[in-house]
Amino acid sequence: MNAFGTVGKPAAKPSIGRQVFHEVKRTLKNPLVRAGLVLGAGFGGLADGIVLHSILGWHHMICYSMDCQPTSVAQLQLENTQDGYFLLVVWLMVLAGTAMLFRAVRIEGSEASGRVLLGSMLAGCGAFNFLEGLINHQILGLHHVAPGSPHQFLFDMLYLANGVLFFLVGAWLIGTRRSKNNRHFCQ
């Protein structure tokens, strides 16, 4: 015992980084969060493929020219086929996420909420957009959001910012405490 009446050194508090790491690790153990992340990534990919590739026609999965405009029917068919494979992969992600969701709500004693599911899906969508934009647009240069536009870089950065924003909103929703009135959809 020292002069202040304590024995030895006081226990060190864990660092903020360590606390955040453990909280993220605990959150990712929640099967509902994992299902939501996969579902969100799949839905984010579907939104990208349907809106940007098919409806707006801004780009394809792999562009063969600076403005991503095909120079022949054969090239357009190839780009559409590549888009189809991309959409197939993200559709399979939605199917896997749906199976994970059904499994998550059937786990005895699990506590789940719509807020956590929505947050997980937004985080998954944001992570997908950010990683797809970083890898395909910036690192590999397979395509850009609006190739050939004078604001091509701005569109790419807005796509990345959208991913970060969705991820942060989703993480906030997952992390906020549920109110007493928030209903659970499984027992």
N, C-alpha and C. Protein backbone atom coordinates (compact mmCIF):
# COMPACT_ATOMS: atom_id res chain seq x y z
N MET A 1 0.84 -1.16 0.00
CA MET A 1 0.00 0.00 0.00
C MET A 1 0.89 1.24 0.00
N ASN A 2 0.49 2.23 -0.82
CA ASN A 2 1.28 3.46 -0.83
C ASN A 2 0.61 4.51 0.05
N ALA A 3 1.14 5.74 0.03
CA ALA A 3 0.66 6.81 0.90
C ALA A 3 -0.79 7.19 0.61
N PHE A 4 -1.28 6.86 -0.58
CA PHE A 4 -2.64 7.21 -0.94
C PHE A 4 -3.64 6.10 -0.64
N GLY A 5 -3.20 5.03 -0.06
CA GLY A 5 -4.09 3.95 0.32
C GLY A 5 -4.41 2.98 -0.81
N THR A 6 -3.67 3.03 -1.91
CA THR A 6 -3.93 2.10 -3.01
C THR A 6 -2.82 1.07 -3.08
N VAL A 7 -3.14 -0.05 -3.67
CA VAL A 7 -2.16 -1.11 -3.83
C VAL A 7 -1.71 -1.13 -5.28
N GLY A 8 -0.43 -0.97 -5.50
CA GLY A 8 0.13 -1.06 -6.85
C GLY A 8 -0.40 0.03 -7.77
N LYS A 9 -0.16 -0.17 -9.05
CA LYS A 9 -0.60 0.79 -10.07
C LYS A 9 -2.05 0.52 -10.44
N PRO A 10 -2.78 1.59 -10.74
CA PRO A 10 -4.16 1.37 -11.18
C PRO A 10 -4.16 0.70 -12.56
N ALA A 11 -5.20 -0.08 -12.82
CA ALA A 11 -5.30 -0.77 -14.10
C ALA A 11 -5.43 0.26 -15.21
N ALA A 12 -4.69 0.02 -16.29
CA ALA A 12 -4.73 0.93 -17.43
C ALA A 12 -6.04 0.76 -18.19
N LYS A 13 -6.60 1.89 -18.59
CA LYS A 13 -7.82 1.84 -19.40
C LYS A 13 -7.44 1.43 -20.82
N PRO A 14 -8.30 0.62 -21.44
CA PRO A 14 -8.01 0.27 -22.82
C PRO A 14 -8.09 1.51 -23.71
N SER A 15 -7.27 1.55 -24.74
CA SER A 15 -7.24 2.71 -25.64
C SER A 15 -8.55 2.78 -26.43
N ILE A 16 -8.82 3.97 -26.95
CA ILE A 16 -10.01 4.19 -27.76
C ILE A 16 -10.00 3.26 -28.97
N GLY A 17 -8.86 3.14 -29.61
CA GLY A 17 -8.74 2.26 -30.77
C GLY A 17 -9.06 0.82 -30.44
N ARG A 18 -8.60 0.37 -29.31
CA ARG A 18 -8.87 -1.01 -28.89
C ARG A 18 -10.35 -1.18 -28.58
N GLN A 19 -10.97 -0.17 -27.94
CA GLN A 19 -12.39 -0.25 -27.63
C GLN A 19 -13.22 -0.30 -28.91
N VAL A 20 -12.86 0.53 -29.89
CA VAL A 20 -13.58 0.54 -31.17
C VAL A 20 -13.42 -0.81 -31.86
N PHE A 21 -12.20 -1.34 -31.86
CA PHE A 21 -11.94 -2.64 -32.49
C PHE A 21 -12.82 -3.73 -31.87
N HIS A 22 -12.89 -3.76 -30.54
CA HIS A 22 -13.69 -4.78 -29.87
C HIS A 22 -15.18 -4.58 -30.14
N GLU A 23 -15.63 -3.32 -30.22
CA GLU A 23 -17.03 -3.05 -30.52
C GLU A 23 -17.38 -3.50 -31.94
N VAL A 24 -16.49 -3.23 -32.90
CA VAL A 24 -16.72 -3.67 -34.28
C VAL A 24 -16.73 -5.19 -34.34
N LYS A 25 -15.80 -5.81 -33.67
CA LYS A 25 -15.73 -7.27 -33.65
C LYS A 25 -17.01 -7.87 -33.06
N ARG A 26 -17.51 -7.28 -31.97
CA ARG A 26 -18.74 -7.75 -31.34
C ARG A 26 -19.92 -7.55 -32.29
N THR A 27 -19.97 -6.41 -32.95
CA THR A 27 -21.07 -6.11 -33.87
C THR A 27 -21.08 -7.09 -35.04
N LEU A 28 -19.90 -7.41 -35.57
CA LEU A 28 -19.83 -8.32 -36.71
C LEU A 28 -20.16 -9.76 -36.34
N LYS A 29 -20.20 -10.06 -35.05
CA LYS A 29 -20.62 -11.40 -34.63
C LYS A 29 -22.13 -11.56 -34.71
N ASN A 30 -22.85 -10.45 -34.78
CA ASN A 30 -24.30 -10.49 -34.87
C ASN A 30 -24.68 -11.01 -36.26
N PRO A 31 -25.36 -12.16 -36.34
CA PRO A 31 -25.71 -12.71 -37.66
C PRO A 31 -26.62 -11.79 -38.47
N LEU A 32 -27.42 -10.97 -37.80
CA LEU A 32 -28.27 -10.03 -38.52
C LEU A 32 -27.43 -8.96 -39.21
N VAL A 33 -26.39 -8.50 -38.55
CA VAL A 33 -25.50 -7.50 -39.13
C VAL A 33 -24.79 -8.08 -40.35
N ARG A 34 -24.30 -9.31 -40.21
CA ARG A 34 -23.61 -9.95 -41.34
C ARG A 34 -24.57 -10.11 -42.53
N ALA A 35 -25.80 -10.55 -42.26
CA ALA A 35 -26.78 -10.71 -43.33
C ALA A 35 -27.07 -9.36 -43.99
N GLY A 36 -27.24 -8.32 -43.17
CA GLY A 36 -27.52 -6.99 -43.71
C GLY A 36 -26.39 -6.45 -44.56
N LEU A 37 -25.15 -6.70 -44.15
CA LEU A 37 -24.00 -6.24 -44.93
C LEU A 37 -23.99 -6.90 -46.31
N VAL A 38 -24.23 -8.20 -46.35
CA VAL A 38 -24.24 -8.91 -47.63
C VAL A 38 -25.41 -8.46 -48.49
N LEU A 39 -26.59 -8.34 -47.88
CA LEU A 39 -27.76 -7.84 -48.62
C LEU A 39 -27.51 -6.43 -49.16
N GLY A 40 -26.97 -5.57 -48.32
CA GLY A 40 -26.70 -4.20 -48.75
C GLY A 40 -25.69 -4.13 -49.88
N ALA A 41 -24.65 -4.93 -49.81
CA ALA A 41 -23.66 -4.96 -50.89
C ALA A 41 -24.32 -5.44 -52.18
N GLY A 42 -25.16 -6.46 -52.08
CA GLY A 42 -25.84 -6.96 -53.27
C GLY A 42 -26.78 -5.93 -53.86
N PHE A 43 -27.58 -5.28 -53.01
CA PHE A 43 -28.50 -4.26 -53.50
C PHE A 43 -27.74 -3.05 -54.05
N GLY A 44 -26.62 -2.70 -53.44
CA GLY A 44 -25.81 -1.61 -53.97
C GLY A 44 -25.28 -1.93 -55.36
N GLY A 45 -24.84 -3.17 -55.55
CA GLY A 45 -24.37 -3.60 -56.87
C GLY A 45 -25.49 -3.62 -57.89
N LEU A 46 -26.68 -4.08 -57.47
CA LEU A 46 -27.82 -4.08 -58.39
C LEU A 46 -28.19 -2.65 -58.79
N ALA A 47 -28.19 -1.74 -57.83
CA ALA A 47 -28.52 -0.34 -58.15
C ALA A 47 -27.52 0.23 -59.14
N ASP A 48 -26.24 -0.04 -58.93
CA ASP A 48 -25.19 0.42 -59.84
C ASP A 48 -25.41 -0.15 -61.24
N GLY A 49 -25.58 -1.46 -61.31
CA GLY A 49 -25.72 -2.11 -62.61
C GLY A 49 -26.99 -1.71 -63.34
N ILE A 50 -28.09 -1.60 -62.61
CA ILE A 50 -29.36 -1.27 -63.25
C ILE A 50 -29.40 0.20 -63.66
N VAL A 51 -29.05 1.09 -62.72
CA VAL A 51 -29.18 2.53 -63.01
C VAL A 51 -28.05 3.04 -63.89
N LEU A 52 -26.80 2.85 -63.47
CA LEU A 52 -25.68 3.45 -64.21
C LEU A 52 -25.33 2.70 -65.49
N HIS A 53 -25.44 1.36 -65.46
CA HIS A 53 -25.07 0.59 -66.65
C HIS A 53 -26.23 0.52 -67.65
N SER A 54 -27.41 0.13 -67.17
CA SER A 54 -28.52 -0.17 -68.09
C SER A 54 -29.41 1.03 -68.40
N ILE A 55 -29.91 1.72 -67.38
CA ILE A 55 -30.88 2.80 -67.63
C ILE A 55 -30.18 4.05 -68.19
N LEU A 56 -29.16 4.54 -67.47
CA LEU A 56 -28.47 5.74 -67.93
C LEU A 56 -27.46 5.45 -69.03
N GLY A 57 -26.92 4.23 -69.05
CA GLY A 57 -25.94 3.86 -70.06
C GLY A 57 -24.65 4.64 -69.97
N TRP A 58 -24.30 5.07 -68.76
CA TRP A 58 -23.09 5.87 -68.59
C TRP A 58 -21.82 5.05 -68.78
N HIS A 59 -21.84 3.82 -68.34
CA HIS A 59 -20.66 2.99 -68.48
C HIS A 59 -21.06 1.51 -68.42
N HIS A 60 -20.10 0.66 -68.72
CA HIS A 60 -20.25 -0.78 -68.60
C HIS A 60 -19.21 -1.26 -67.58
N MET A 61 -19.27 -2.52 -67.24
CA MET A 61 -18.33 -3.06 -66.25
C MET A 61 -16.89 -2.85 -66.71
N ILE A 62 -16.64 -3.12 -67.98
CA ILE A 62 -15.32 -2.86 -68.56
C ILE A 62 -15.53 -2.01 -69.80
N CYS A 63 -14.89 -0.84 -69.82
CA CYS A 63 -14.98 0.06 -70.95
C CYS A 63 -13.74 -0.10 -71.82
N TYR A 64 -13.95 -0.10 -73.14
CA TYR A 64 -12.84 -0.28 -74.07
C TYR A 64 -12.44 1.01 -74.77
N SER A 65 -13.11 2.11 -74.44
CA SER A 65 -12.74 3.41 -74.99
C SER A 65 -12.82 4.44 -73.88
N MET A 66 -12.25 5.61 -74.10
CA MET A 66 -12.21 6.64 -73.07
C MET A 66 -13.60 7.12 -72.65
N ASP A 67 -14.55 7.14 -73.58
CA ASP A 67 -15.89 7.60 -73.24
C ASP A 67 -16.87 6.43 -73.02
N CYS A 68 -16.36 5.22 -73.08
CA CYS A 68 -17.13 4.00 -72.82
C CYS A 68 -18.25 3.80 -73.83
N GLN A 69 -18.13 4.37 -75.01
CA GLN A 69 -19.11 4.16 -76.08
C GLN A 69 -18.58 3.07 -77.00
N PRO A 70 -19.34 2.00 -77.18
CA PRO A 70 -18.86 0.91 -78.03
C PRO A 70 -18.72 1.36 -79.48
N THR A 71 -17.74 0.78 -80.16
CA THR A 71 -17.47 1.14 -81.55
C THR A 71 -18.08 0.14 -82.53
N SER A 72 -18.65 -0.95 -82.00
CA SER A 72 -19.29 -1.94 -82.87
C SER A 72 -20.38 -2.67 -82.09
N VAL A 73 -21.24 -3.36 -82.83
CA VAL A 73 -22.28 -4.15 -82.19
C VAL A 73 -21.65 -5.28 -81.39
N ALA A 74 -20.58 -5.89 -81.93
CA ALA A 74 -19.91 -6.98 -81.22
C ALA A 74 -19.34 -6.48 -79.89
N GLN A 75 -18.78 -5.29 -79.87
CA GLN A 75 -18.23 -4.74 -78.63
C GLN A 75 -19.36 -4.45 -77.64
N LEU A 76 -20.47 -3.91 -78.11
CA LEU A 76 -21.61 -3.66 -77.23
C LEU A 76 -22.13 -4.97 -76.64
N GLN A 77 -22.20 -6.01 -77.45
CA GLN A 77 -22.65 -7.31 -76.95
C GLN A 77 -21.69 -7.84 -75.88
N LEU A 78 -20.39 -7.68 -76.09
CA LEU A 78 -19.40 -8.11 -75.10
C LEU A 78 -19.56 -7.33 -73.80
N GLU A 79 -19.72 -6.00 -73.90
CA GLU A 79 -19.89 -5.17 -72.70
C GLU A 79 -21.18 -5.53 -71.97
N ASN A 80 -22.25 -5.79 -72.70
CA ASN A 80 -23.51 -6.18 -72.06
C ASN A 80 -23.37 -7.54 -71.37
N THR A 81 -22.65 -8.46 -71.99
CA THR A 81 -22.43 -9.77 -71.37
C THR A 81 -21.63 -9.62 -70.08
N GLN A 82 -20.60 -8.77 -70.09
CA GLN A 82 -19.81 -8.54 -68.88
C GLN A 82 -20.68 -7.90 -67.80
N ASP A 83 -21.55 -6.97 -68.17
CA ASP A 83 -22.49 -6.38 -67.22
C ASP A 83 -23.41 -7.46 -66.65
N GLY A 84 -23.83 -8.38 -67.51
CA GLY A 84 -24.69 -9.48 -67.06
C GLY A 84 -24.01 -10.35 -66.02
N TYR A 85 -22.73 -10.65 -66.21
CA TYR A 85 -22.01 -11.44 -65.21
C TYR A 85 -21.91 -10.69 -63.89
N PHE A 86 -21.65 -9.39 -63.98
CA PHE A 86 -21.61 -8.56 -62.77
C PHE A 86 -22.95 -8.61 -62.05
N LEU A 87 -24.04 -8.42 -62.79
CA LEU A 87 -25.37 -8.45 -62.17
C LEU A 87 -25.69 -9.82 -61.60
N LEU A 88 -25.24 -10.87 -62.24
CA LEU A 88 -25.44 -12.22 -61.72
C LEU A 88 -24.74 -12.38 -60.37
N VAL A 89 -23.52 -11.89 -60.26
CA VAL A 89 -22.77 -12.00 -59.01
C VAL A 89 -23.48 -11.24 -57.89
N VAL A 90 -23.92 -10.01 -58.15
CA VAL A 90 -24.56 -9.25 -57.08
C VAL A 90 -25.95 -9.82 -56.76
N TRP A 91 -26.62 -10.40 -57.74
CA TRP A 91 -27.90 -11.07 -57.48
C TRP A 91 -27.67 -12.28 -56.57
N LEU A 92 -26.59 -13.01 -56.81
CA LEU A 92 -26.25 -14.15 -55.94
C LEU A 92 -25.93 -13.65 -54.52
N MET A 93 -25.34 -12.46 -54.42
CA MET A 93 -25.09 -11.88 -53.09
C MET A 93 -26.40 -11.60 -52.38
N VAL A 94 -27.40 -11.10 -53.11
CA VAL A 94 -28.72 -10.85 -52.51
C VAL A 94 -29.34 -12.16 -52.05
N LEU A 95 -29.23 -13.20 -52.85
CA LEU A 95 -29.76 -14.51 -52.45
C LEU A 95 -29.04 -15.02 -51.19
N ALA A 96 -27.72 -14.90 -51.17
CA ALA A 96 -26.96 -15.35 -50.00
C ALA A 96 -27.35 -14.53 -48.77
N GLY A 97 -27.47 -13.22 -48.93
CA GLY A 97 -27.87 -12.36 -47.81
C GLY A 97 -29.26 -12.69 -47.31
N THR A 98 -30.16 -13.05 -48.22
CA THR A 98 -31.52 -13.43 -47.82
C THR A 98 -31.49 -14.72 -47.01
N ALA A 99 -30.70 -15.69 -47.46
CA ALA A 99 -30.57 -16.94 -46.70
C ALA A 99 -29.96 -16.67 -45.33
N MET A 100 -28.96 -15.79 -45.28
CA MET A 100 -28.34 -15.44 -44.00
C MET A 100 -29.34 -14.76 -43.09
N LEU A 101 -30.21 -13.92 -43.66
CA LEU A 101 -31.22 -13.23 -42.88
C LEU A 101 -32.21 -14.22 -42.27
N PHE A 102 -32.68 -15.17 -43.06
CA PHE A 102 -33.60 -16.18 -42.53
C PHE A 102 -32.93 -16.98 -41.42
N ARG A 103 -31.67 -17.31 -41.60
CA ARG A 103 -30.94 -18.05 -40.58
C ARG A 103 -30.77 -17.20 -39.32
N ALA A 104 -30.50 -15.92 -39.50
CA ALA A 104 -30.28 -15.02 -38.35
C ALA A 104 -31.51 -14.90 -37.47
N VAL A 105 -32.68 -14.79 -38.09
CA VAL A 105 -33.89 -14.59 -37.28
C VAL A 105 -34.38 -15.89 -36.66
N ARG A 106 -33.84 -17.02 -37.09
CA ARG A 106 -34.25 -18.31 -36.52
C ARG A 106 -33.37 -18.74 -35.36
N ILE A 107 -32.28 -18.02 -35.12
CA ILE A 107 -31.38 -18.37 -34.02
C ILE A 107 -32.10 -18.10 -32.71
N GLU A 108 -32.18 -19.12 -31.88
CA GLU A 108 -32.90 -19.00 -30.61
C GLU A 108 -32.20 -17.98 -29.71
N GLY A 109 -33.00 -17.10 -29.15
CA GLY A 109 -32.48 -16.11 -28.22
C GLY A 109 -31.88 -14.89 -28.90
N SER A 110 -31.93 -14.84 -30.22
CA SER A 110 -31.33 -13.69 -30.90
C SER A 110 -32.26 -12.49 -30.78
N GLU A 111 -31.67 -11.34 -30.69
CA GLU A 111 -32.42 -10.10 -30.61
C GLU A 111 -32.06 -9.29 -31.85
N ALA A 112 -33.06 -8.94 -32.62
CA ALA A 112 -32.81 -8.22 -33.85
C ALA A 112 -33.81 -7.09 -34.00
N SER A 113 -33.44 -6.11 -34.80
CA SER A 113 -34.36 -5.00 -35.03
C SER A 113 -34.25 -4.54 -36.47
N GLY A 114 -35.31 -3.89 -36.92
CA GLY A 114 -35.30 -3.32 -38.26
C GLY A 114 -34.24 -2.25 -38.40
N ARG A 115 -33.98 -1.52 -37.31
CA ARG A 115 -32.96 -0.47 -37.34
C ARG A 115 -31.57 -1.06 -37.61
N VAL A 116 -31.27 -2.15 -36.93
CA VAL A 116 -29.97 -2.80 -37.13
C VAL A 116 -29.87 -3.35 -38.56
N LEU A 117 -30.95 -3.96 -39.04
CA LEU A 117 -30.94 -4.50 -40.40
C LEU A 117 -30.77 -3.38 -41.42
N LEU A 118 -31.54 -2.30 -41.28
CA LEU A 118 -31.41 -1.17 -42.21
C LEU A 118 -30.00 -0.59 -42.15
N GLY A 119 -29.48 -0.40 -40.95
CA GLY A 119 -28.12 0.14 -40.81
C GLY A 119 -27.10 -0.76 -41.45
N SER A 120 -27.25 -2.06 -41.26
CA SER A 120 -26.31 -3.02 -41.86
C SER A 120 -26.38 -2.99 -43.37
N MET A 121 -27.60 -2.88 -43.89
CA MET A 121 -27.76 -2.83 -45.34
C MET A 121 -27.17 -1.55 -45.93
N LEU A 122 -27.38 -0.42 -45.25
CA LEU A 122 -26.78 0.83 -45.72
C LEU A 122 -25.26 0.76 -45.65
N ALA A 123 -24.74 0.19 -44.57
CA ALA A 123 -23.29 0.04 -44.43
C ALA A 123 -22.74 -0.88 -45.52
N GLY A 124 -23.44 -1.97 -45.80
CA GLY A 124 -23.00 -2.89 -46.86
C GLY A 124 -23.02 -2.24 -48.22
N CYS A 125 -24.08 -1.48 -48.50
CA CYS A 125 -24.18 -0.77 -49.77
C CYS A 125 -23.06 0.26 -49.89
N GLY A 126 -22.82 1.00 -48.81
CA GLY A 126 -21.76 2.00 -48.81
C GLY A 126 -20.39 1.38 -49.00
N ALA A 127 -20.15 0.27 -48.31
CA ALA A 127 -18.86 -0.41 -48.45
C ALA A 127 -18.68 -0.91 -49.88
N PHE A 128 -19.75 -1.46 -50.46
CA PHE A 128 -19.67 -1.93 -51.85
C PHE A 128 -19.33 -0.77 -52.77
N ASN A 129 -20.08 0.34 -52.67
CA ASN A 129 -19.85 1.49 -53.55
C ASN A 129 -18.43 2.03 -53.39
N PHE A 130 -17.97 2.15 -52.15
CA PHE A 130 -16.63 2.69 -51.94
C PHE A 130 -15.57 1.77 -52.52
N LEU A 131 -15.66 0.48 -52.20
CA LEU A 131 -14.63 -0.45 -52.68
C LEU A 131 -14.69 -0.62 -54.20
N GLU A 132 -15.90 -0.72 -54.77
CA GLU A 132 -16.03 -0.84 -56.22
C GLU A 132 -15.49 0.41 -56.90
N GLY A 133 -15.82 1.58 -56.35
CA GLY A 133 -15.33 2.83 -56.93
C GLY A 133 -13.82 2.97 -56.80
N LEU A 134 -13.30 2.60 -55.66
CA LEU A 134 -11.85 2.71 -55.46
C LEU A 134 -11.09 1.75 -56.37
N ILE A 135 -11.53 0.49 -56.39
CA ILE A 135 -10.80 -0.52 -57.17
C ILE A 135 -11.04 -0.36 -58.67
N ASN A 136 -12.31 -0.38 -59.09
CA ASN A 136 -12.60 -0.37 -60.53
C ASN A 136 -12.41 0.99 -61.18
N HIS A 137 -12.76 2.07 -60.48
CA HIS A 137 -12.65 3.40 -61.08
C HIS A 137 -11.24 3.96 -60.95
N GLN A 138 -10.67 3.88 -59.76
CA GLN A 138 -9.40 4.57 -59.51
C GLN A 138 -8.17 3.70 -59.72
N ILE A 139 -8.16 2.50 -59.13
CA ILE A 139 -6.94 1.67 -59.20
C ILE A 139 -6.81 0.97 -60.56
N LEU A 140 -7.84 0.23 -60.96
CA LEU A 140 -7.76 -0.54 -62.21
C LEU A 140 -8.18 0.27 -63.43
N GLY A 141 -8.98 1.31 -63.24
CA GLY A 141 -9.44 2.14 -64.36
C GLY A 141 -10.30 1.37 -65.36
N LEU A 142 -11.06 0.37 -64.88
CA LEU A 142 -11.92 -0.40 -65.78
C LEU A 142 -13.03 0.45 -66.37
N HIS A 143 -13.52 1.37 -65.59
CA HIS A 143 -14.54 2.32 -66.04
C HIS A 143 -14.60 3.45 -65.03
N HIS A 144 -15.33 4.48 -65.37
CA HIS A 144 -15.58 5.60 -64.47
C HIS A 144 -17.09 5.81 -64.42
N VAL A 145 -17.56 6.58 -63.46
CA VAL A 145 -19.00 6.79 -63.33
C VAL A 145 -19.56 7.43 -64.59
N ALA A 146 -18.95 8.51 -65.04
CA ALA A 146 -19.38 9.21 -66.25
C ALA A 146 -18.17 9.41 -67.15
N PRO A 147 -17.71 8.33 -67.80
CA PRO A 147 -16.49 8.43 -68.60
C PRO A 147 -16.64 9.42 -69.76
N GLY A 148 -15.57 10.17 -69.98
CA GLY A 148 -15.57 11.14 -71.06
C GLY A 148 -16.17 12.48 -70.69
N SER A 149 -16.83 12.55 -69.52
CA SER A 149 -17.41 13.81 -69.07
C SER A 149 -16.30 14.74 -68.63
N PRO A 150 -16.46 16.07 -68.82
CA PRO A 150 -15.45 16.99 -68.31
C PRO A 150 -15.36 16.94 -66.78
N HIS A 151 -16.38 16.37 -66.15
CA HIS A 151 -16.41 16.25 -64.69
C HIS A 151 -16.25 14.80 -64.24
N GLN A 152 -15.54 14.02 -65.02
CA GLN A 152 -15.37 12.59 -64.74
C GLN A 152 -14.82 12.35 -63.34
N PHE A 153 -13.77 13.07 -62.98
CA PHE A 153 -13.14 12.88 -61.66
C PHE A 153 -14.12 13.27 -60.54
N LEU A 154 -14.87 14.34 -60.74
CA LEU A 154 -15.86 14.77 -59.74
C LEU A 154 -16.92 13.68 -59.53
N PHE A 155 -17.44 13.11 -60.62
CA PHE A 155 -18.42 12.04 -60.50
C PHE A 155 -17.83 10.84 -59.74
N ASP A 156 -16.59 10.50 -60.05
CA ASP A 156 -15.93 9.39 -59.34
C ASP A 156 -15.80 9.68 -57.85
N MET A 157 -15.43 10.92 -57.51
CA MET A 157 -15.27 11.28 -56.10
C MET A 157 -16.62 11.32 -55.38
N LEU A 158 -17.66 11.78 -56.07
CA LEU A 158 -19.00 11.77 -55.48
C LEU A 158 -19.48 10.35 -55.23
N TYR A 159 -19.14 9.43 -56.11
CA TYR A 159 -19.49 8.02 -55.93
C TYR A 159 -18.80 7.47 -54.69
N LEU A 160 -17.51 7.79 -54.52
CA LEU A 160 -16.79 7.35 -53.32
C LEU A 160 -17.39 8.00 -52.07
N ALA A 161 -17.69 9.29 -52.15
CA ALA A 161 -18.27 9.99 -50.99
C ALA A 161 -19.64 9.40 -50.64
N ASN A 162 -20.41 9.03 -51.66
CA ASN A 162 -21.70 8.37 -51.42
C ASN A 162 -21.48 7.07 -50.65
N GLY A 163 -20.47 6.32 -51.02
CA GLY A 163 -20.18 5.07 -50.30
C GLY A 163 -19.82 5.32 -48.85
N VAL A 164 -18.98 6.32 -48.60
CA VAL A 164 -18.59 6.65 -47.23
C VAL A 164 -19.80 7.13 -46.43
N LEU A 165 -20.63 7.99 -47.04
CA LEU A 165 -21.81 8.50 -46.35
C LEU A 165 -22.78 7.37 -45.98
N PHE A 166 -23.09 6.50 -46.93
CA PHE A 166 -23.98 5.37 -46.65
C PHE A 166 -23.40 4.50 -45.54
N PHE A 167 -22.09 4.24 -45.60
CA PHE A 167 -21.46 3.40 -44.58
C PHE A 167 -21.58 4.05 -43.20
N LEU A 168 -21.29 5.34 -43.11
CA LEU A 168 -21.34 6.02 -41.82
C LEU A 168 -22.76 6.10 -41.26
N VAL A 169 -23.73 6.39 -42.11
CA VAL A 169 -25.13 6.41 -41.65
C VAL A 169 -25.53 5.02 -41.17
N GLY A 170 -25.14 4.00 -41.93
CA GLY A 170 -25.45 2.63 -41.53
C GLY A 170 -24.80 2.26 -40.21
N ALA A 171 -23.53 2.61 -40.06
CA ALA A 171 -22.82 2.31 -38.80
C ALA A 171 -23.47 3.05 -37.64
N TRP A 172 -23.90 4.29 -37.87
CA TRP A 172 -24.59 5.05 -36.82
C TRP A 172 -25.89 4.35 -36.43
N LEU A 173 -26.66 3.90 -37.41
CA LEU A 173 -27.92 3.21 -37.11
C LEU A 173 -27.68 1.92 -36.33
N ILE A 174 -26.64 1.19 -36.70
CA ILE A 174 -26.33 -0.05 -35.99
C ILE A 174 -25.94 0.25 -34.55
N GLY A 175 -25.17 1.32 -34.37
CA GLY A 175 -24.61 1.62 -33.06
C GLY A 175 -25.51 2.36 -32.11
N THR A 176 -26.58 2.99 -32.61
CA THR A 176 -27.45 3.74 -31.71
C THR A 176 -28.29 2.79 -30.88
N ARG A 177 -28.51 3.17 -29.67
CA ARG A 177 -29.31 2.35 -28.76
C ARG A 177 -30.75 2.35 -29.20
N ARG A 178 -31.36 1.20 -29.14
CA ARG A 178 -32.77 1.09 -29.50
C ARG A 178 -33.63 1.63 -28.37
N SER A 179 -34.69 2.32 -28.76
CA SER A 179 -35.61 2.84 -27.74
C SER A 179 -36.48 1.70 -27.21
N LYS A 180 -37.15 1.96 -26.11
CA LYS A 180 -38.04 0.95 -25.52
C LYS A 180 -39.16 0.57 -26.47
N ASN A 181 -39.56 1.52 -27.32
CA ASN A 181 -40.68 1.27 -28.22
C ASN A 181 -40.29 0.53 -29.49
N ASN A 182 -39.00 0.34 -29.72
CA ASN A 182 -38.54 -0.33 -30.93
C ASN A 182 -38.90 -1.82 -30.86
N ARG A 183 -39.63 -2.31 -31.83
CA ARG A 183 -40.07 -3.69 -31.81
C ARG A 183 -39.02 -4.61 -32.39
N HIS A 184 -38.95 -5.79 -31.85
CA HIS A 184 -38.05 -6.82 -32.35
C HIS A 184 -38.85 -7.75 -33.24
N PHE A 185 -38.20 -8.25 -34.31
CA PHE A 185 -38.96 -9.13 -35.18
C PHE A 185 -38.64 -10.59 -34.96
N CYS A 186 -37.88 -10.90 -33.94
CA CYS A 186 -37.69 -12.30 -33.59
C CYS A 186 -37.59 -12.40 -32.07
N GLN A 187 -37.90 -13.53 -31.56
CA GLN A 187 -37.89 -13.74 -30.11
C GLN A 187 -36.51 -14.13 -29.63
